[in-house]
Amino acid sequence: MSKDKADAILNKLGETDVQGNIIAFSGLSTVPTEHQFIVNGKMLYTWCVVDAILFTEWLDVEANVRSTDPIDGSPIELQINGGQLLWTKPYPLFISWVESVDTCNIRGSFCNHVSFYSSERTAKQWLKNNPDGKILTLEDFFEPKNIGMKCC
């Protein structure tokens, strides 16, 4: 691929530091975000909860994911091995979801609106301020009729 094409892809899907080093790409980051993604003891971060779930399958790794409920600050933890959810704390978990995505601004239009919630109560609070969104349980996330993805 040409350098121009590679730069265009990086500009759309990645982030670089001031020295030009790639520090994030397509949702996986070395820069702290609200979603810690721990693999083999190495701390990485994801742009949103969807990334935290899908990267375990795509990379075929076991990961511990740590996040917080954006409404009440409750800690949230998951362990996923490849495509298999091993456990969550608390259980059940809820996920906010938005249908409209601007592919030129994935973080701003999607990732910044998709989070874990520790309870149905806090998830519903998010929904009050985002009436075009919806709330899914973690199990719902994998139902094709809900968001178009398939179970791992």
C-alpha atoms as a PDB file:
ATOM      1  CA  MET A   1       0.000   0.000   0.000  1.00  0.00           C
ATOM      2  CA  SER A   2       1.227   3.473  -0.712  1.00  0.00           C
ATOM      3  CA  LYS A   3       2.315   5.786   2.099  1.00  0.00           C
ATOM      4  CA  ASP A   4      -0.519   8.179   1.228  1.00  0.00           C
ATOM      5  CA  LYS A   5      -3.104   5.410   1.551  1.00  0.00           C
ATOM      6  CA  ALA A   6      -1.575   4.171   4.830  1.00  0.00           C
ATOM      7  CA  ASP A   7      -1.553   7.735   6.198  1.00  0.00           C
ATOM      8  CA  ALA A   8      -5.215   8.182   5.209  1.00  0.00           C
ATOM      9  CA  ILE A   9      -6.172   4.993   7.083  1.00  0.00           C
ATOM     10  CA  LEU A  10      -4.136   6.045  10.117  1.00  0.00           C
ATOM     11  CA  ASN A  11      -5.751   9.502  10.083  1.00  0.00           C
ATOM     12  CA  LYS A  12      -9.207   7.919  10.049  1.00  0.00           C
ATOM     13  CA  LEU A  13      -8.717   5.038  12.489  1.00  0.00           C
ATOM     14  CA  GLY A  14      -5.643   5.856  14.545  1.00  0.00           C
ATOM     15  CA  GLU A  15      -3.944   8.326  16.809  1.00  0.00           C
ATOM     16  CA  THR A  16      -0.322   9.417  16.952  1.00  0.00           C
ATOM     17  CA  ASP A  17       1.721  11.269  19.546  1.00  0.00           C
ATOM     18  CA  VAL A  18       3.665  14.470  18.846  1.00  0.00           C
ATOM     19  CA  GLN A  19       6.653  12.441  17.606  1.00  0.00           C
ATOM     20  CA  GLY A  20       4.440  10.610  15.088  1.00  0.00           C
ATOM     21  CA  ASN A  21       4.409   7.273  16.953  1.00  0.00           C
ATOM     22  CA  ILE A  22       1.184   5.302  16.629  1.00  0.00           C
ATOM     23  CA  ILE A  23      -0.412   5.215  20.086  1.00  0.00           C
ATOM     24  CA  ALA A  24      -3.890   3.916  19.163  1.00  0.00           C
ATOM     25  CA  PHE A  25      -5.531   2.194  16.260  1.00  0.00           C
ATOM     26  CA  SER A  26      -9.106   1.152  15.672  1.00  0.00           C
ATOM     27  CA  GLY A  27     -10.023   1.256  19.345  1.00  0.00           C
ATOM     28  CA  LEU A  28      -6.934  -0.250  21.000  1.00  0.00           C
ATOM     29  CA  SER A  29      -4.735   2.298  22.753  1.00  0.00           C
ATOM     30  CA  THR A  30      -1.664   2.765  24.899  1.00  0.00           C
ATOM     31  CA  VAL A  31      -3.157   6.037  26.171  1.00  0.00           C
ATOM     32  CA  PRO A  32      -5.411   5.742  29.248  1.00  0.00           C
ATOM     33  CA  THR A  33      -9.162   5.756  28.615  1.00  0.00           C
ATOM     34  CA  GLU A  34     -12.088   4.750  30.810  1.00  0.00           C
ATOM     35  CA  HIS A  35     -11.715   1.105  29.753  1.00  0.00           C
ATOM     36  CA  GLN A  36      -8.641  -0.809  30.905  1.00  0.00           C
ATOM     37  CA  PHE A  37      -7.784  -3.873  28.810  1.00  0.00           C
ATOM     38  CA  ILE A  38      -5.266  -6.080  30.598  1.00  0.00           C
ATOM     39  CA  VAL A  39      -3.624  -8.902  28.630  1.00  0.00           C
ATOM     40  CA  ASN A  40      -0.780 -11.018  30.032  1.00  0.00           C
ATOM     41  CA  GLY A  41      -0.254  -8.419  32.750  1.00  0.00           C
ATOM     42  CA  LYS A  42       0.149  -5.596  30.202  1.00  0.00           C
ATOM     43  CA  MET A  43      -2.165  -2.624  30.591  1.00  0.00           C
ATOM     44  CA  LEU A  44      -3.752  -1.358  27.390  1.00  0.00           C
ATOM     45  CA  TYR A  45      -6.940   0.623  26.899  1.00  0.00           C
ATOM     46  CA  THR A  46      -9.915   0.596  24.574  1.00  0.00           C
ATOM     47  CA  TRP A  47     -11.959   3.451  23.219  1.00  0.00           C
ATOM     48  CA  CYS A  48     -15.253   1.821  24.198  1.00  0.00           C
ATOM     49  CA  VAL A  49     -16.772  -1.295  25.710  1.00  0.00           C
ATOM     50  CA  VAL A  50     -17.396  -2.822  22.297  1.00  0.00           C
ATOM     51  CA  ASP A  51     -13.658  -2.730  21.620  1.00  0.00           C
ATOM     52  CA  ALA A  52     -12.946  -4.349  24.985  1.00  0.00           C
ATOM     53  CA  ILE A  53     -15.262  -7.232  24.130  1.00  0.00           C
ATOM     54  CA  LEU A  54     -14.326  -7.708  20.487  1.00  0.00           C
ATOM     55  CA  PHE A  55     -10.544  -7.403  20.798  1.00  0.00           C
ATOM     56  CA  THR A  56     -10.429 -10.498  23.010  1.00  0.00           C
ATOM     57  CA  GLU A  57     -11.936 -12.522  20.179  1.00  0.00           C
ATOM     58  CA  TRP A  58     -10.047 -10.857  17.327  1.00  0.00           C
ATOM     59  CA  LEU A  59      -6.705 -11.234  19.109  1.00  0.00           C
ATOM     60  CA  ASP A  60      -7.675 -14.606  20.633  1.00  0.00           C
ATOM     61  CA  VAL A  61      -6.486 -13.585  24.088  1.00  0.00           C
ATOM     62  CA  GLU A  62      -7.721 -13.705  27.646  1.00  0.00           C
ATOM     63  CA  ALA A  63      -8.296 -10.223  28.987  1.00  0.00           C
ATOM     64  CA  ASN A  64      -9.429  -8.596  32.185  1.00  0.00           C
ATOM     65  CA  VAL A  65     -11.485  -5.515  31.485  1.00  0.00           C
ATOM     66  CA  ARG A  66     -11.993  -2.786  34.061  1.00  0.00           C
ATOM     67  CA  SER A  67     -14.308   0.151  33.647  1.00  0.00           C
ATOM     68  CA  THR A  68     -16.620   2.314  35.709  1.00  0.00           C
ATOM     69  CA  ASP A  69     -20.295   3.081  35.507  1.00  0.00           C
ATOM     70  CA  PRO A  70     -20.352   6.667  34.147  1.00  0.00           C
ATOM     71  CA  ILE A  71     -23.449   7.521  36.202  1.00  0.00           C
ATOM     72  CA  ASP A  72     -22.500   6.411  39.717  1.00  0.00           C
ATOM     73  CA  GLY A  73     -18.804   5.525  39.364  1.00  0.00           C
ATOM     74  CA  SER A  74     -19.276   1.891  40.412  1.00  0.00           C
ATOM     75  CA  PRO A  75     -16.364  -0.345  39.430  1.00  0.00           C
ATOM     76  CA  ILE A  76     -17.045  -2.888  36.687  1.00  0.00           C
ATOM     77  CA  GLU A  77     -14.868  -5.893  35.889  1.00  0.00           C
ATOM     78  CA  LEU A  78     -15.047  -8.661  33.302  1.00  0.00           C
ATOM     79  CA  GLN A  79     -12.865 -11.512  32.245  1.00  0.00           C
ATOM     80  CA  ILE A  80     -13.124 -12.702  28.659  1.00  0.00           C
ATOM     81  CA  ASN A  81     -11.185 -15.507  27.009  1.00  0.00           C
ATOM     82  CA  GLY A  82     -11.283 -15.234  23.226  1.00  0.00           C
ATOM     83  CA  GLY A  83     -14.979 -15.143  22.452  1.00  0.00           C
ATOM     84  CA  GLN A  84     -16.114 -16.494  25.832  1.00  0.00           C
ATOM     85  CA  LEU A  85     -17.254 -14.350  28.724  1.00  0.00           C
ATOM     86  CA  LEU A  86     -15.923 -15.952  31.921  1.00  0.00           C
ATOM     87  CA  TRP A  87     -17.393 -13.625  34.556  1.00  0.00           C
ATOM     88  CA  THR A  88     -18.572 -10.100  35.286  1.00  0.00           C
ATOM     89  CA  LYS A  89     -18.750  -8.098  38.452  1.00  0.00           C
ATOM     90  CA  PRO A  90     -21.436  -6.971  38.995  1.00  0.00           C
ATOM     91  CA  TYR A  91     -23.873  -9.182  37.150  1.00  0.00           C
ATOM     92  CA  PRO A  92     -25.862  -8.474  35.066  1.00  0.00           C
ATOM     93  CA  LEU A  93     -24.121  -5.735  33.130  1.00  0.00           C
ATOM     94  CA  PHE A  94     -25.846  -3.266  30.874  1.00  0.00           C
ATOM     95  CA  ILE A  95     -24.464  -1.511  27.794  1.00  0.00           C
ATOM     96  CA  SER A  96     -25.623   1.756  26.268  1.00  0.00           C
ATOM     97  CA  TRP A  97     -25.934   1.686  22.491  1.00  0.00           C
ATOM     98  CA  VAL A  98     -26.357   4.245  19.703  1.00  0.00           C
ATOM     99  CA  GLU A  99     -27.384   3.385  16.157  1.00  0.00           C
ATOM    100  CA  SER A 100     -26.023   6.422  14.342  1.00  0.00           C
ATOM    101  CA  VAL A 101     -22.277   6.380  13.727  1.00  0.00           C
ATOM    102  CA  ASP A 102     -20.183   8.930  11.855  1.00  0.00           C
ATOM    103  CA  THR A 103     -17.344   6.848  10.412  1.00  0.00           C
ATOM    104  CA  CYS A 104     -15.208   9.991  10.197  1.00  0.00           C
ATOM    105  CA  ASN A 105     -15.580  10.417  13.969  1.00  0.00           C
ATOM    106  CA  ILE A 106     -16.077   6.965  15.487  1.00  0.00           C
ATOM    107  CA  ARG A 107     -14.920   7.973  18.957  1.00  0.00           C
ATOM    108  CA  GLY A 108     -17.095  11.067  19.143  1.00  0.00           C
ATOM    109  CA  SER A 109     -20.218   9.656  17.543  1.00  0.00           C
ATOM    110  CA  PHE A 110     -20.106   6.111  18.925  1.00  0.00           C
ATOM    111  CA  CYS A 111     -17.422   5.192  21.465  1.00  0.00           C
ATOM    112  CA  ASN A 112     -18.100   8.144  23.756  1.00  0.00           C
ATOM    113  CA  HIS A 113     -21.731   7.006  24.047  1.00  0.00           C
ATOM    114  CA  VAL A 114     -21.273   3.248  24.514  1.00  0.00           C
ATOM    115  CA  SER A 115     -20.483   2.309  28.117  1.00  0.00           C
ATOM    116  CA  PHE A 116     -21.005  -0.387  30.725  1.00  0.00           C
ATOM    117  CA  TYR A 117     -23.575   0.215  33.473  1.00  0.00           C
ATOM    118  CA  SER A 118     -23.581  -1.632  36.780  1.00  0.00           C
ATOM    119  CA  SER A 119     -27.366  -1.592  37.155  1.00  0.00           C
ATOM    120  CA  GLU A 120     -30.536  -1.156  35.185  1.00  0.00           C
ATOM    121  CA  ARG A 121     -31.206   1.982  37.236  1.00  0.00           C
ATOM    122  CA  THR A 122     -28.037   3.759  36.075  1.00  0.00           C
ATOM    123  CA  ALA A 123     -28.515   2.541  32.503  1.00  0.00           C
ATOM    124  CA  LYS A 124     -32.015   4.038  32.468  1.00  0.00           C
ATOM    125  CA  GLN A 125     -30.605   7.344  33.723  1.00  0.00           C
ATOM    126  CA  TRP A 126     -28.317   7.433  30.669  1.00  0.00           C
ATOM    127  CA  LEU A 127     -31.295   6.630  28.441  1.00  0.00           C
ATOM    128  CA  LYS A 128     -33.247   9.627  29.798  1.00  0.00           C
ATOM    129  CA  ASN A 129     -30.568  11.939  28.355  1.00  0.00           C
ATOM    130  CA  ASN A 130     -30.142   9.865  25.182  1.00  0.00           C
ATOM    131  CA  PRO A 131     -33.659   9.014  23.973  1.00  0.00           C
ATOM    132  CA  ASP A 132     -32.380   7.833  20.566  1.00  0.00           C
ATOM    133  CA  GLY A 133     -30.116   5.277  22.243  1.00  0.00           C
ATOM    134  CA  LYS A 134     -30.963   1.938  23.742  1.00  0.00           C
ATOM    135  CA  ILE A 135     -29.835  -0.244  26.598  1.00  0.00           C
ATOM    136  CA  LEU A 136     -28.734  -3.838  26.129  1.00  0.00           C
ATOM    137  CA  THR A 137     -27.704  -6.471  28.599  1.00  0.00           C
ATOM    138  CA  LEU A 138     -24.333  -8.018  27.908  1.00  0.00           C
ATOM    139  CA  GLU A 139     -26.197 -11.074  26.580  1.00  0.00           C
ATOM    140  CA  ASP A 140     -28.281  -8.862  24.250  1.00  0.00           C
ATOM    141  CA  PHE A 141     -25.075  -7.504  22.780  1.00  0.00           C
ATOM    142  CA  PHE A 142     -24.514 -10.765  20.925  1.00  0.00           C
ATOM    143  CA  GLU A 143     -28.033 -11.107  19.498  1.00  0.00           C
ATOM    144  CA  PRO A 144     -28.002 -10.321  15.741  1.00  0.00           C
ATOM    145  CA  LYS A 145     -31.533  -8.886  15.863  1.00  0.00           C
ATOM    146  CA  ASN A 146     -30.399  -6.238  18.376  1.00  0.00           C
ATOM    147  CA  ILE A 147     -27.208  -4.822  16.894  1.00  0.00           C
ATOM    148  CA  GLY A 148     -26.254  -6.984  13.962  1.00  0.00           C
ATOM    149  CA  MET A 149     -23.405  -8.902  15.550  1.00  0.00           C
ATOM    150  CA  LYS A 150     -23.296 -12.589  16.112  1.00  0.00           C
ATOM    151  CA  CYS A 151     -22.371 -14.519  19.182  1.00  0.00           C
ATOM    152  CA  CYS A 152     -18.762 -15.528  19.434  1.00  0.00           C
END
